[in-house]
Amino acid sequence: MENGAAPTVPAVIVAIDGPSGTGKSSTSKAVAAQLGLSYLDTGAQYRAITWWMVNNGIDVSDPAAIASAAGKADIVSGTDPADPTITVDGVDVSGPIRTAEVTSKVSAVSAVPDVRARITELQRSLAASAERGIVVEGRDIGTTVLPDADLKVFLTASPEARAARRSGELKGADVNATRTALLQRDAADSTRKTSPLAKADDAVEVDTSDLTLQQVVECVVTLVEEKRAAK
C-alpha cells in the first residue's frame, strides 16, 4: 500500500458488462473512483484498434486483412478513473475513437478472433497488475476476459432509455436513428462467434432504465463492499 497507515483492503476485480447506453462507463468510473480502484474501458481499446485500422487503410470489411494487422498498433490504456487515457502508437486518441466512422466499424473489427485475442491479453494483464483491484467494463468481461472476477454485474435498460441517453451524449442526435443503431450493434455483438455480448450465469443483473446514475452506482458499490467483506 502507498499509505502505510491505511488498512489493508483485499483487491477486488469487478466485471461490468452490458450493451451500449446502459450507463456502463459512467457507473464503472464512479464506482472505481469511490472505492479507490483502477478502471478499464475495454470498448475504448476496440475503438482504438478500429481507429488505427481505418487510419492505416486496412479494409475493415475483410476479416483476413483485419487479422493480419491485429498485432501492429501499440495500444496503452490509462486506468485512473478520473482521467482514463488511451493512446495508439503514442498518440492520444480519446477524441478520435468516438467518431461516427469508428462507431460504425467497431463491431466488424472486434468480431475478428485475432483482434479479440490481442485485446483480451491486454485486458488480463492490466487487471492482474491492478494492486487494489479494478473495475473492467465491456461486453464479454464476466464471460470470457475475467471469468473468475470477484463480482460480475450485467447492466440492462430498455432500448428507449438507452437511445435517449446516447442521443443526449451525442448532442442532439435523432433518438429513433440512435435506437436503430444501438439495436443493430446489439445484434452484431450478441451473434458474433467469438466472445459474444452475453450475461454470465453468476452475474447480478441491474436494470438501469428507471434509475439515476447515483442509484446505479450505490447499488454496485454495495455489491462490491459485500464481496470485499466476504474475502
C-alpha atoms as a PDB file:
ATOM      1  CA  MET A   1       0.000   0.000   0.000  1.00  0.00           C
ATOM      2  CA  GLU A   2       1.215   3.524  -0.758  1.00  0.00           C
ATOM      3  CA  ASN A   3      -0.055   4.769   2.592  1.00  0.00           C
ATOM      4  CA  GLY A   4       1.378   2.727   5.453  1.00  0.00           C
ATOM      5  CA  ALA A   5      -1.398   3.856   7.808  1.00  0.00           C
ATOM      6  CA  ALA A   6      -4.198   2.638   5.574  1.00  0.00           C
ATOM      7  CA  PRO A   7      -5.803  -0.683   6.462  1.00  0.00           C
ATOM      8  CA  THR A   8      -5.173  -3.486   4.026  1.00  0.00           C
ATOM      9  CA  VAL A   9      -8.220  -3.862   1.811  1.00  0.00           C
ATOM     10  CA  PRO A  10      -8.440  -7.004  -0.297  1.00  0.00           C
ATOM     11  CA  ALA A  11      -8.151  -6.330  -4.019  1.00  0.00           C
ATOM     12  CA  VAL A  12     -11.371  -6.935  -5.927  1.00  0.00           C
ATOM     13  CA  ILE A  13     -11.899  -7.467  -9.625  1.00  0.00           C
ATOM     14  CA  VAL A  14     -15.262  -6.187 -10.817  1.00  0.00           C
ATOM     15  CA  ALA A  15     -16.644  -7.024 -14.278  1.00  0.00           C
ATOM     16  CA  ILE A  16     -19.396  -4.751 -15.599  1.00  0.00           C
ATOM     17  CA  ASP A  17     -20.972  -5.876 -18.867  1.00  0.00           C
ATOM     18  CA  GLY A  18     -23.952  -4.836 -20.925  1.00  0.00           C
ATOM     19  CA  PRO A  19     -24.976  -3.279 -24.222  1.00  0.00           C
ATOM     20  CA  SER A  20     -24.387   0.353 -25.274  1.00  0.00           C
ATOM     21  CA  GLY A  21     -26.313   3.073 -23.496  1.00  0.00           C
ATOM     22  CA  THR A  22     -26.929   1.229 -20.220  1.00  0.00           C
ATOM     23  CA  GLY A  23     -24.597   3.511 -18.261  1.00  0.00           C
ATOM     24  CA  LYS A  24     -21.586   1.167 -18.099  1.00  0.00           C
ATOM     25  CA  SER A  25     -18.886   3.811 -18.450  1.00  0.00           C
ATOM     26  CA  SER A  26     -20.398   6.382 -16.081  1.00  0.00           C
ATOM     27  CA  THR A  27     -21.183   3.703 -13.496  1.00  0.00           C
ATOM     28  CA  SER A  28     -17.812   1.973 -13.754  1.00  0.00           C
ATOM     29  CA  LYS A  29     -15.804   5.190 -13.473  1.00  0.00           C
ATOM     30  CA  ALA A  30     -17.816   6.390 -10.473  1.00  0.00           C
ATOM     31  CA  VAL A  31     -17.607   3.033  -8.662  1.00  0.00           C
ATOM     32  CA  ALA A  32     -13.841   2.815  -9.255  1.00  0.00           C
ATOM     33  CA  ALA A  33     -13.299   6.399  -8.057  1.00  0.00           C
ATOM     34  CA  GLN A  34     -15.431   5.900  -4.937  1.00  0.00           C
ATOM     35  CA  LEU A  35     -13.684   2.672  -3.950  1.00  0.00           C
ATOM     36  CA  GLY A  36     -10.127   3.614  -4.948  1.00  0.00           C
ATOM     37  CA  LEU A  37      -9.934   1.020  -7.717  1.00  0.00           C
ATOM     38  CA  SER A  38      -8.388   1.144 -11.177  1.00  0.00           C
ATOM     39  CA  TYR A  39     -10.751   1.430 -14.153  1.00  0.00           C
ATOM     40  CA  LEU A  40     -10.631  -0.009 -17.664  1.00  0.00           C
ATOM     41  CA  ASP A  41     -12.921   0.820 -20.567  1.00  0.00           C
ATOM     42  CA  THR A  42     -12.429  -2.168 -22.859  1.00  0.00           C
ATOM     43  CA  GLY A  43     -14.681  -0.664 -25.526  1.00  0.00           C
ATOM     44  CA  ALA A  44     -12.169   2.154 -25.927  1.00  0.00           C
ATOM     45  CA  GLN A  45      -9.489  -0.434 -26.718  1.00  0.00           C
ATOM     46  CA  TYR A  46     -11.606  -1.926 -29.504  1.00  0.00           C
ATOM     47  CA  ARG A  47     -12.356   1.572 -30.762  1.00  0.00           C
ATOM     48  CA  ALA A  48      -8.632   2.376 -30.679  1.00  0.00           C
ATOM     49  CA  ILE A  49      -7.642  -0.615 -32.797  1.00  0.00           C
ATOM     50  CA  THR A  50     -10.516   0.202 -35.179  1.00  0.00           C
ATOM     51  CA  TRP A  51      -9.320   3.810 -35.452  1.00  0.00           C
ATOM     52  CA  TRP A  52      -5.801   2.572 -36.224  1.00  0.00           C
ATOM     53  CA  MET A  53      -7.105   0.240 -38.958  1.00  0.00           C
ATOM     54  CA  VAL A  54      -9.184   2.992 -40.590  1.00  0.00           C
ATOM     55  CA  ASN A  55      -6.254   5.436 -40.405  1.00  0.00           C
ATOM     56  CA  ASN A  56      -3.859   2.919 -41.911  1.00  0.00           C
ATOM     57  CA  GLY A  57      -6.055   1.967 -44.848  1.00  0.00           C
ATOM     58  CA  ILE A  58      -6.943  -1.536 -43.652  1.00  0.00           C
ATOM     59  CA  ASP A  59     -10.081  -2.860 -45.356  1.00  0.00           C
ATOM     60  CA  VAL A  60     -12.325  -3.377 -42.325  1.00  0.00           C
ATOM     61  CA  SER A  61     -14.803  -5.361 -44.404  1.00  0.00           C
ATOM     62  CA  ASP A  62     -12.099  -8.026 -44.863  1.00  0.00           C
ATOM     63  CA  PRO A  63     -11.590 -10.196 -41.739  1.00  0.00           C
ATOM     64  CA  ALA A  64      -8.308 -11.592 -43.124  1.00  0.00           C
ATOM     65  CA  ALA A  65      -6.891  -8.074 -43.546  1.00  0.00           C
ATOM     66  CA  ILE A  66      -8.009  -7.152 -40.033  1.00  0.00           C
ATOM     67  CA  ALA A  67      -6.465 -10.335 -38.606  1.00  0.00           C
ATOM     68  CA  SER A  68      -3.099  -9.748 -40.274  1.00  0.00           C
ATOM     69  CA  ALA A  69      -2.928  -6.210 -38.816  1.00  0.00           C
ATOM     70  CA  ALA A  70      -4.249  -7.095 -35.347  1.00  0.00           C
ATOM     71  CA  GLY A  71      -0.844  -7.014 -33.647  1.00  0.00           C
ATOM     72  CA  LYS A  72       0.538  -3.844 -35.197  1.00  0.00           C
ATOM     73  CA  ALA A  73      -0.915  -0.990 -33.135  1.00  0.00           C
ATOM     74  CA  ASP A  74       0.648  -0.168 -29.747  1.00  0.00           C
ATOM     75  CA  ILE A  75      -2.377   0.484 -27.509  1.00  0.00           C
ATOM     76  CA  VAL A  76      -1.851   1.833 -23.990  1.00  0.00           C
ATOM     77  CA  SER A  77      -4.780   2.328 -21.597  1.00  0.00           C
ATOM     78  CA  GLY A  78      -4.535   4.544 -18.524  1.00  0.00           C
ATOM     79  CA  THR A  79      -6.530   3.136 -15.601  1.00  0.00           C
ATOM     80  CA  ASP A  80      -7.166   6.255 -13.496  1.00  0.00           C
ATOM     81  CA  PRO A  81     -10.985   6.599 -13.298  1.00  0.00           C
ATOM     82  CA  ALA A  82     -10.643  10.403 -13.041  1.00  0.00           C
ATOM     83  CA  ASP A  83      -8.649  10.540 -16.279  1.00  0.00           C
ATOM     84  CA  PRO A  84      -8.847   7.300 -18.300  1.00  0.00           C
ATOM     85  CA  THR A  85      -6.398   7.942 -21.133  1.00  0.00           C
ATOM     86  CA  ILE A  86      -5.861   5.874 -24.260  1.00  0.00           C
ATOM     87  CA  THR A  87      -3.047   6.185 -26.762  1.00  0.00           C
ATOM     88  CA  VAL A  88      -2.197   4.415 -30.007  1.00  0.00           C
ATOM     89  CA  ASP A  89       1.475   4.488 -31.031  1.00  0.00           C
ATOM     90  CA  GLY A  90       1.952   7.278 -28.500  1.00  0.00           C
ATOM     91  CA  VAL A  91      -0.889   9.456 -29.849  1.00  0.00           C
ATOM     92  CA  ASP A  92      -3.848  10.435 -27.628  1.00  0.00           C
ATOM     93  CA  VAL A  93      -6.921   9.058 -29.402  1.00  0.00           C
ATOM     94  CA  SER A  94      -9.566   9.587 -26.702  1.00  0.00           C
ATOM     95  CA  GLY A  95     -11.421  12.021 -29.001  1.00  0.00           C
ATOM     96  CA  PRO A  96     -10.956  10.451 -32.458  1.00  0.00           C
ATOM     97  CA  ILE A  97     -12.133   6.986 -31.333  1.00  0.00           C
ATOM     98  CA  ARG A  98     -15.609   8.392 -30.562  1.00  0.00           C
ATOM     99  CA  THR A  99     -16.399   9.488 -34.127  1.00  0.00           C
ATOM    100  CA  ALA A 100     -19.374   8.079 -36.047  1.00  0.00           C
ATOM    101  CA  GLU A 101     -16.971   6.442 -38.524  1.00  0.00           C
ATOM    102  CA  VAL A 102     -15.217   4.425 -35.823  1.00  0.00           C
ATOM    103  CA  THR A 103     -18.517   3.618 -34.102  1.00  0.00           C
ATOM    104  CA  SER A 104     -19.938   2.212 -37.340  1.00  0.00           C
ATOM    105  CA  LYS A 105     -16.943  -0.074 -37.889  1.00  0.00           C
ATOM    106  CA  VAL A 106     -16.012  -1.254 -34.387  1.00  0.00           C
ATOM    107  CA  SER A 107     -18.351  -4.280 -34.356  1.00  0.00           C
ATOM    108  CA  ALA A 108     -16.815  -5.674 -37.550  1.00  0.00           C
ATOM    109  CA  VAL A 109     -13.265  -5.220 -36.281  1.00  0.00           C
ATOM    110  CA  SER A 110     -13.963  -6.550 -32.799  1.00  0.00           C
ATOM    111  CA  ALA A 111     -15.647  -9.677 -34.189  1.00  0.00           C
ATOM    112  CA  VAL A 112     -12.318 -10.914 -35.625  1.00  0.00           C
ATOM    113  CA  PRO A 113     -10.818 -13.582 -33.305  1.00  0.00           C
ATOM    114  CA  ASP A 114      -7.230 -12.322 -33.710  1.00  0.00           C
ATOM    115  CA  VAL A 115      -8.302  -8.864 -32.556  1.00  0.00           C
ATOM    116  CA  ARG A 116     -10.190 -10.253 -29.571  1.00  0.00           C
ATOM    117  CA  ALA A 117      -7.247 -12.447 -28.562  1.00  0.00           C
ATOM    118  CA  ARG A 118      -4.865  -9.479 -28.706  1.00  0.00           C
ATOM    119  CA  ILE A 119      -7.116  -7.101 -26.760  1.00  0.00           C
ATOM    120  CA  THR A 120      -8.150  -9.765 -24.228  1.00  0.00           C
ATOM    121  CA  GLU A 121      -4.477 -10.345 -23.433  1.00  0.00           C
ATOM    122  CA  LEU A 122      -4.026  -6.597 -22.808  1.00  0.00           C
ATOM    123  CA  GLN A 123      -7.101  -6.542 -20.568  1.00  0.00           C
ATOM    124  CA  ARG A 124      -5.989  -9.504 -18.472  1.00  0.00           C
ATOM    125  CA  SER A 125      -2.521  -8.064 -17.913  1.00  0.00           C
ATOM    126  CA  LEU A 126      -3.987  -4.726 -16.779  1.00  0.00           C
ATOM    127  CA  ALA A 127      -6.369  -6.489 -14.389  1.00  0.00           C
ATOM    128  CA  ALA A 128      -3.571  -8.653 -12.985  1.00  0.00           C
ATOM    129  CA  SER A 129      -1.350  -5.624 -12.305  1.00  0.00           C
ATOM    130  CA  ALA A 130      -4.013  -3.531 -10.501  1.00  0.00           C
ATOM    131  CA  GLU A 131      -2.811  -3.636  -6.888  1.00  0.00           C
ATOM    132  CA  ARG A 132      -6.059  -2.593  -5.211  1.00  0.00           C
ATOM    133  CA  GLY A 133      -8.323  -4.144  -7.793  1.00  0.00           C
ATOM    134  CA  ILE A 134     -10.063  -2.866 -10.885  1.00  0.00           C
ATOM    135  CA  VAL A 135     -13.451  -2.204 -12.441  1.00  0.00           C
ATOM    136  CA  VAL A 136     -13.437  -3.517 -16.012  1.00  0.00           C
ATOM    137  CA  GLU A 137     -16.348  -2.653 -18.286  1.00  0.00           C
ATOM    138  CA  GLY A 138     -17.240  -4.192 -21.615  1.00  0.00           C
ATOM    139  CA  ARG A 139     -19.367  -6.856 -23.247  1.00  0.00           C
ATOM    140  CA  ASP A 140     -17.561 -10.130 -22.541  1.00  0.00           C
ATOM    141  CA  ILE A 141     -15.649  -9.418 -19.335  1.00  0.00           C
ATOM    142  CA  GLY A 142     -17.553 -11.731 -16.992  1.00  0.00           C
ATOM    143  CA  THR A 143     -17.900 -14.494 -19.570  1.00  0.00           C
ATOM    144  CA  THR A 144     -14.545 -14.512 -21.385  1.00  0.00           C
ATOM    145  CA  VAL A 145     -11.958 -11.961 -20.251  1.00  0.00           C
ATOM    146  CA  LEU A 146     -12.200 -12.330 -16.461  1.00  0.00           C
ATOM    147  CA  PRO A 147     -14.413 -15.347 -15.761  1.00  0.00           C
ATOM    148  CA  ASP A 148     -13.044 -15.514 -12.186  1.00  0.00           C
ATOM    149  CA  ALA A 149     -13.897 -11.872 -11.363  1.00  0.00           C
ATOM    150  CA  ASP A 150     -14.976 -11.355  -7.743  1.00  0.00           C
ATOM    151  CA  LEU A 151     -18.154  -9.568  -8.834  1.00  0.00           C
ATOM    152  CA  LYS A 152     -19.961  -9.630 -12.169  1.00  0.00           C
ATOM    153  CA  VAL A 153     -22.636  -7.057 -12.937  1.00  0.00           C
ATOM    154  CA  PHE A 154     -24.740  -7.031 -16.113  1.00  0.00           C
ATOM    155  CA  LEU A 155     -26.404  -3.678 -16.782  1.00  0.00           C
ATOM    156  CA  THR A 156     -29.546  -3.571 -18.916  1.00  0.00           C
ATOM    157  CA  ALA A 157     -32.019  -0.859 -19.905  1.00  0.00           C
ATOM    158  CA  SER A 158     -34.912  -0.519 -22.318  1.00  0.00           C
ATOM    159  CA  PRO A 159     -33.981   0.436 -25.900  1.00  0.00           C
ATOM    160  CA  GLU A 160     -35.881   3.707 -25.406  1.00  0.00           C
ATOM    161  CA  ALA A 161     -33.938   4.652 -22.275  1.00  0.00           C
ATOM    162  CA  ARG A 162     -30.641   3.720 -23.896  1.00  0.00           C
ATOM    163  CA  ALA A 163     -31.382   5.713 -27.060  1.00  0.00           C
ATOM    164  CA  ALA A 164     -32.400   8.767 -25.048  1.00  0.00           C
ATOM    165  CA  ARG A 165     -29.160   8.621 -23.069  1.00  0.00           C
ATOM    166  CA  ARG A 166     -26.946   8.001 -26.044  1.00  0.00           C
ATOM    167  CA  SER A 167     -28.547  10.704 -28.209  1.00  0.00           C
ATOM    168  CA  GLY A 168     -28.135  13.101 -25.271  1.00  0.00           C
ATOM    169  CA  GLU A 169     -24.434  12.202 -25.201  1.00  0.00           C
ATOM    170  CA  LEU A 170     -24.252  12.722 -28.952  1.00  0.00           C
ATOM    171  CA  LYS A 171     -25.675  16.262 -28.578  1.00  0.00           C
ATOM    172  CA  GLY A 172     -28.987  16.327 -30.378  1.00  0.00           C
ATOM    173  CA  ALA A 173     -28.719  13.106 -32.360  1.00  0.00           C
ATOM    174  CA  ASP A 174     -32.014  11.714 -33.635  1.00  0.00           C
ATOM    175  CA  VAL A 175     -33.377   9.386 -30.921  1.00  0.00           C
ATOM    176  CA  ASN A 176     -35.007   6.962 -33.396  1.00  0.00           C
ATOM    177  CA  ALA A 177     -31.862   6.718 -35.508  1.00  0.00           C
ATOM    178  CA  THR A 178     -29.812   6.214 -32.343  1.00  0.00           C
ATOM    179  CA  ARG A 179     -32.197   3.477 -31.149  1.00  0.00           C
ATOM    180  CA  THR A 180     -31.891   1.673 -34.503  1.00  0.00           C
ATOM    181  CA  ALA A 181     -28.093   1.923 -34.399  1.00  0.00           C
ATOM    182  CA  LEU A 182     -27.996   0.585 -30.835  1.00  0.00           C
ATOM    183  CA  LEU A 183     -30.177  -2.400 -31.714  1.00  0.00           C
ATOM    184  CA  GLN A 184     -28.018  -3.144 -34.766  1.00  0.00           C
ATOM    185  CA  ARG A 185     -24.913  -3.003 -32.568  1.00  0.00           C
ATOM    186  CA  ASP A 186     -26.584  -5.351 -30.042  1.00  0.00           C
ATOM    187  CA  ALA A 187     -27.408  -7.831 -32.789  1.00  0.00           C
ATOM    188  CA  ALA A 188     -23.852  -7.754 -34.163  1.00  0.00           C
ATOM    189  CA  ASP A 189     -22.276  -8.081 -30.709  1.00  0.00           C
ATOM    190  CA  SER A 190     -24.651 -10.799 -29.483  1.00  0.00           C
ATOM    191  CA  THR A 191     -24.359 -13.030 -32.544  1.00  0.00           C
ATOM    192  CA  ARG A 192     -20.618 -12.901 -33.233  1.00  0.00           C
ATOM    193  CA  LYS A 193     -18.915 -16.271 -32.872  1.00  0.00           C
ATOM    194  CA  THR A 194     -16.048 -15.093 -30.683  1.00  0.00           C
ATOM    195  CA  SER A 195     -16.894 -13.836 -27.175  1.00  0.00           C
ATOM    196  CA  PRO A 196     -20.386 -12.514 -27.866  1.00  0.00           C
ATOM    197  CA  LEU A 197     -22.171  -9.995 -25.649  1.00  0.00           C
ATOM    198  CA  ALA A 198     -23.730 -12.254 -23.006  1.00  0.00           C
ATOM    199  CA  LYS A 199     -24.667 -12.253 -19.349  1.00  0.00           C
ATOM    200  CA  ALA A 200     -22.541 -14.571 -17.210  1.00  0.00           C
ATOM    201  CA  ASP A 201     -24.519 -17.173 -15.248  1.00  0.00           C
ATOM    202  CA  ASP A 202     -23.262 -15.744 -11.949  1.00  0.00           C
ATOM    203  CA  ALA A 203     -23.734 -12.060 -12.856  1.00  0.00           C
ATOM    204  CA  VAL A 204     -26.057  -9.730 -10.952  1.00  0.00           C
ATOM    205  CA  GLU A 205     -28.424  -8.067 -13.437  1.00  0.00           C
ATOM    206  CA  VAL A 206     -29.291  -4.412 -12.823  1.00  0.00           C
ATOM    207  CA  ASP A 207     -31.951  -2.716 -14.986  1.00  0.00           C
ATOM    208  CA  THR A 208     -30.966   0.945 -15.147  1.00  0.00           C
ATOM    209  CA  SER A 209     -33.969   2.164 -17.189  1.00  0.00           C
ATOM    210  CA  ASP A 210     -35.652   3.976 -14.294  1.00  0.00           C
ATOM    211  CA  LEU A 211     -32.649   4.553 -12.033  1.00  0.00           C
ATOM    212  CA  THR A 212     -30.482   7.640 -11.734  1.00  0.00           C
ATOM    213  CA  LEU A 213     -26.743   7.213 -12.227  1.00  0.00           C
ATOM    214  CA  GLN A 214     -26.245   7.733  -8.491  1.00  0.00           C
ATOM    215  CA  GLN A 215     -28.701   4.935  -7.665  1.00  0.00           C
ATOM    216  CA  VAL A 216     -26.911   2.526 -10.004  1.00  0.00           C
ATOM    217  CA  VAL A 217     -23.519   3.485  -8.544  1.00  0.00           C
ATOM    218  CA  GLU A 218     -24.788   2.983  -4.975  1.00  0.00           C
ATOM    219  CA  CYS A 219     -26.165  -0.432  -5.925  1.00  0.00           C
ATOM    220  CA  VAL A 220     -22.857  -1.597  -7.436  1.00  0.00           C
ATOM    221  CA  VAL A 221     -20.738  -0.108  -4.621  1.00  0.00           C
ATOM    222  CA  THR A 222     -22.845  -2.055  -2.101  1.00  0.00           C
ATOM    223  CA  LEU A 223     -22.314  -5.280  -4.087  1.00  0.00           C
ATOM    224  CA  VAL A 224     -18.545  -4.677  -4.222  1.00  0.00           C
ATOM    225  CA  GLU A 225     -18.354  -3.939  -0.492  1.00  0.00           C
ATOM    226  CA  GLU A 226     -20.230  -7.174   0.247  1.00  0.00           C
ATOM    227  CA  LYS A 227     -17.690  -9.115  -1.856  1.00  0.00           C
ATOM    228  CA  ARG A 228     -14.779  -7.373  -0.118  1.00  0.00           C
ATOM    229  CA  ALA A 229     -16.191  -8.180   3.297  1.00  0.00           C
ATOM    230  CA  ALA A 230     -16.512 -11.844   2.338  1.00  0.00           C
ATOM    231  CA  LYS A 231     -12.868 -12.133   1.203  1.00  0.00           C
END
